[in-house]
C-alpha atoms as a PDB file:
ATOM      1  CA  UNK A   1      44.539 -63.138 -19.505  1.00  0.00           C
ATOM      2  CA  UNK A   2      47.479 -62.289 -21.723  1.00  0.00           C
ATOM      3  CA  UNK A   3      49.596 -64.961 -20.011  1.00  0.00           C
ATOM      4  CA  UNK A   4      46.920 -67.570 -20.615  1.00  0.00           C
ATOM      5  CA  UNK A   5      46.263 -66.435 -24.189  1.00  0.00           C
ATOM      6  CA  UNK A   6      49.441 -65.113 -25.822  1.00  0.00           C
ATOM      7  CA  UNK A   7      48.771 -62.603 -28.556  1.00  0.00           C
ATOM      8  CA  UNK A   8      45.546 -61.441 -26.964  1.00  0.00           C
ATOM      9  CA  UNK A   9      45.271 -57.680 -27.292  1.00  0.00           C
ATOM     10  CA  UNK A  10      42.919 -54.972 -26.105  1.00  0.00           C
ATOM     11  CA  UNK A  11      42.830 -55.923 -22.436  1.00  0.00           C
ATOM     12  CA  UNK A  12      45.094 -53.313 -20.880  1.00  0.00           C
ATOM     13  CA  UNK A  13      44.187 -51.806 -17.520  1.00  0.00           C
ATOM     14  CA  UNK A  14      42.819 -48.727 -19.297  1.00  0.00           C
ATOM     15  CA  UNK A  15      40.727 -50.768 -21.718  1.00  0.00           C
ATOM     16  CA  UNK A  16      39.306 -52.906 -18.920  1.00  0.00           C
ATOM     17  CA  UNK A  17      38.255 -49.731 -17.097  1.00  0.00           C
ATOM     18  CA  UNK A  18      36.583 -48.498 -20.269  1.00  0.00           C
ATOM     19  CA  UNK A  19      34.787 -51.818 -20.714  1.00  0.00           C
ATOM     20  CA  UNK A  20      33.534 -51.572 -17.138  1.00  0.00           C
ATOM     21  CA  UNK A  21      32.225 -48.040 -17.695  1.00  0.00           C
ATOM     22  CA  UNK A  22      30.452 -49.207 -20.870  1.00  0.00           C
ATOM     23  CA  UNK A  23      28.875 -52.073 -18.979  1.00  0.00           C
ATOM     24  CA  UNK A  24      27.772 -49.862 -16.092  1.00  0.00           C
ATOM     25  CA  UNK A  25      26.251 -47.308 -18.459  1.00  0.00           C
ATOM     26  CA  UNK A  26      24.277 -49.872 -20.457  1.00  0.00           C
ATOM     27  CA  UNK A  27      23.635 -52.636 -17.923  1.00  0.00           C
ATOM     28  CA  UNK A  28      19.953 -51.740 -17.574  1.00  0.00           C
ATOM     29  CA  UNK A  29      19.449 -52.426 -21.283  1.00  0.00           C
ATOM     30  CA  UNK A  30      20.948 -55.925 -21.328  1.00  0.00           C
ATOM     31  CA  UNK A  31      19.541 -59.047 -19.768  1.00  0.00           C
ATOM     32  CA  UNK A  32      21.249 -60.717 -16.852  1.00  0.00           C
ATOM     33  CA  UNK A  33      21.023 -64.347 -15.699  1.00  0.00           C
ATOM     34  CA  UNK A  34      18.223 -63.436 -13.264  1.00  0.00           C
ATOM     35  CA  UNK A  35      16.074 -62.283 -16.205  1.00  0.00           C
ATOM     36  CA  UNK A  36      15.738 -65.844 -17.499  1.00  0.00           C
ATOM     37  CA  UNK A  37      13.096 -68.091 -15.955  1.00  0.00           C
ATOM     38  CA  UNK A  38      14.902 -70.635 -13.770  1.00  0.00           C
ATOM     39  CA  UNK A  39      18.067 -69.876 -15.787  1.00  0.00           C
ATOM     40  CA  UNK A  40      16.826 -72.561 -18.158  1.00  0.00           C
ATOM     41  CA  UNK A  41      17.166 -70.556 -21.365  1.00  0.00           C
ATOM     42  CA  UNK A  42      20.630 -69.111 -20.757  1.00  0.00           C
ATOM     43  CA  UNK A  43      22.215 -71.670 -23.079  1.00  0.00           C
ATOM     44  CA  UNK A  44      20.056 -70.351 -25.903  1.00  0.00           C
ATOM     45  CA  UNK A  45      21.783 -66.965 -25.728  1.00  0.00           C
ATOM     46  CA  UNK A  46      25.448 -67.803 -25.296  1.00  0.00           C
ATOM     47  CA  UNK A  47      28.237 -69.915 -26.694  1.00  0.00           C
ATOM     48  CA  UNK A  48      30.102 -69.712 -23.402  1.00  0.00           C
ATOM     49  CA  UNK A  49      30.078 -73.090 -21.702  1.00  0.00           C
ATOM     50  CA  UNK A  50      32.813 -72.743 -19.080  1.00  0.00           C
ATOM     51  CA  UNK A  51      31.446 -69.727 -17.214  1.00  0.00           C
ATOM     52  CA  UNK A  52      27.862 -69.756 -16.000  1.00  0.00           C
ATOM     53  CA  UNK A  53      28.081 -66.208 -14.622  1.00  0.00           C
ATOM     54  CA  UNK A  54      28.560 -64.615 -18.040  1.00  0.00           C
ATOM     55  CA  UNK A  55      25.559 -64.351 -20.303  1.00  0.00           C
ATOM     56  CA  UNK A  56      25.420 -62.603 -23.625  1.00  0.00           C
ATOM     57  CA  UNK A  57      21.749 -62.113 -24.160  1.00  0.00           C
ATOM     58  CA  UNK A  58      19.335 -60.135 -26.257  1.00  0.00           C
ATOM     59  CA  UNK A  59      18.956 -56.433 -25.693  1.00  0.00           C
ATOM     60  CA  UNK A  60      15.931 -55.303 -23.734  1.00  0.00           C
ATOM     61  CA  UNK A  61      15.255 -52.393 -26.010  1.00  0.00           C
ATOM     62  CA  UNK A  62      11.518 -51.896 -26.133  1.00  0.00           C
ATOM     63  CA  UNK A  63      12.011 -48.139 -26.362  1.00  0.00           C
ATOM     64  CA  UNK A  64      14.602 -48.350 -29.167  1.00  0.00           C
ATOM     65  CA  UNK A  65      13.394 -48.376 -32.731  1.00  0.00           C
ATOM     66  CA  UNK A  66      15.133 -50.579 -35.284  1.00  0.00           C
ATOM     67  CA  UNK A  67      17.287 -47.754 -36.695  1.00  0.00           C
ATOM     68  CA  UNK A  68      18.670 -46.885 -33.252  1.00  0.00           C
ATOM     69  CA  UNK A  69      19.284 -50.529 -32.388  1.00  0.00           C
ATOM     70  CA  UNK A  70      21.074 -51.115 -35.698  1.00  0.00           C
ATOM     71  CA  UNK A  71      23.158 -47.995 -35.106  1.00  0.00           C
ATOM     72  CA  UNK A  72      24.021 -49.108 -31.572  1.00  0.00           C
ATOM     73  CA  UNK A  73      25.271 -52.456 -32.821  1.00  0.00           C
ATOM     74  CA  UNK A  74      27.383 -50.983 -35.636  1.00  0.00           C
ATOM     75  CA  UNK A  75      29.149 -48.230 -33.697  1.00  0.00           C
ATOM     76  CA  UNK A  76      32.648 -49.196 -32.606  1.00  0.00           C
ATOM     77  CA  UNK A  77      33.612 -49.413 -28.947  1.00  0.00           C
ATOM     78  CA  UNK A  78      35.859 -46.325 -29.045  1.00  0.00           C
ATOM     79  CA  UNK A  79      32.938 -44.247 -30.314  1.00  0.00           C
ATOM     80  CA  UNK A  80      30.670 -45.655 -27.600  1.00  0.00           C
ATOM     81  CA  UNK A  81      33.235 -44.774 -24.956  1.00  0.00           C
ATOM     82  CA  UNK A  82      33.585 -41.197 -26.219  1.00  0.00           C
ATOM     83  CA  UNK A  83      29.822 -40.799 -26.284  1.00  0.00           C
ATOM     84  CA  UNK A  84      29.568 -42.051 -22.706  1.00  0.00           C
ATOM     85  CA  UNK A  85      32.226 -39.566 -21.615  1.00  0.00           C
ATOM     86  CA  UNK A  86      30.427 -36.607 -23.165  1.00  0.00           C
ATOM     87  CA  UNK A  87      26.742 -37.264 -22.495  1.00  0.00           C
ATOM     88  CA  UNK A  88      24.489 -37.423 -19.469  1.00  0.00           C
ATOM     89  CA  UNK A  89      21.165 -38.748 -20.729  1.00  0.00           C
ATOM     90  CA  UNK A  90      19.970 -41.728 -22.704  1.00  0.00           C
ATOM     91  CA  UNK A  91      18.510 -39.463 -25.397  1.00  0.00           C
ATOM     92  CA  UNK A  92      21.868 -37.715 -25.871  1.00  0.00           C
ATOM     93  CA  UNK A  93      23.659 -41.048 -26.143  1.00  0.00           C
ATOM     94  CA  UNK A  94      21.190 -42.386 -28.677  1.00  0.00           C
ATOM     95  CA  UNK A  95      21.366 -39.173 -30.708  1.00  0.00           C
ATOM     96  CA  UNK A  96      25.151 -39.374 -31.037  1.00  0.00           C
ATOM     97  CA  UNK A  97      25.139 -43.116 -31.655  1.00  0.00           C
ATOM     98  CA  UNK A  98      22.714 -42.570 -34.515  1.00  0.00           C
ATOM     99  CA  UNK A  99      24.785 -39.683 -35.920  1.00  0.00           C
ATOM    100  CA  UNK A 100      28.013 -41.699 -35.762  1.00  0.00           C
ATOM    101  CA  UNK A 101      26.405 -44.657 -37.525  1.00  0.00           C
ATOM    102  CA  UNK A 102      24.436 -42.761 -40.155  1.00  0.00           C
ATOM    103  CA  UNK A 103      27.006 -40.083 -40.996  1.00  0.00           C
ATOM    104  CA  UNK A 104      30.140 -42.221 -40.499  1.00  0.00           C
ATOM    105  CA  UNK A 105      31.702 -39.871 -37.969  1.00  0.00           C
ATOM    106  CA  UNK A 106      35.277 -40.547 -36.950  1.00  0.00           C
ATOM    107  CA  UNK A 107      36.230 -40.439 -33.269  1.00  0.00           C
ATOM    108  CA  UNK A 108      37.884 -37.058 -33.907  1.00  0.00           C
ATOM    109  CA  UNK A 109      34.691 -35.670 -35.463  1.00  0.00           C
ATOM    110  CA  UNK A 110      32.735 -36.953 -32.476  1.00  0.00           C
ATOM    111  CA  UNK A 111      35.171 -35.382 -29.997  1.00  0.00           C
ATOM    112  CA  UNK A 112      34.899 -31.948 -31.551  1.00  0.00           C
ATOM    113  CA  UNK A 113      31.157 -31.901 -32.243  1.00  0.00           C
END
């Protein structure tokens, strides 16, 4: 990717592994192409036109209240990764995501809490 797009950063081997772990941890809460009837509404949820396999869709978060969803979307990736490394359950993850977002915890604060 870096050869095709010079100046692109954040896609080291380590970061790609972290992105994969994030995806695997949260994949049940995001829609996939098979969730759309006849794949007809995929275009409504993505600006990607060259790759039909990638869909950025709405969250399937019926059990998340608005405060948790807002917190989830505002927490930076590094925080999400640390939370995933240190928690086992969805409730634990959501608790720490909310704390990070509402109390502006740094990654260091999160690591030592």
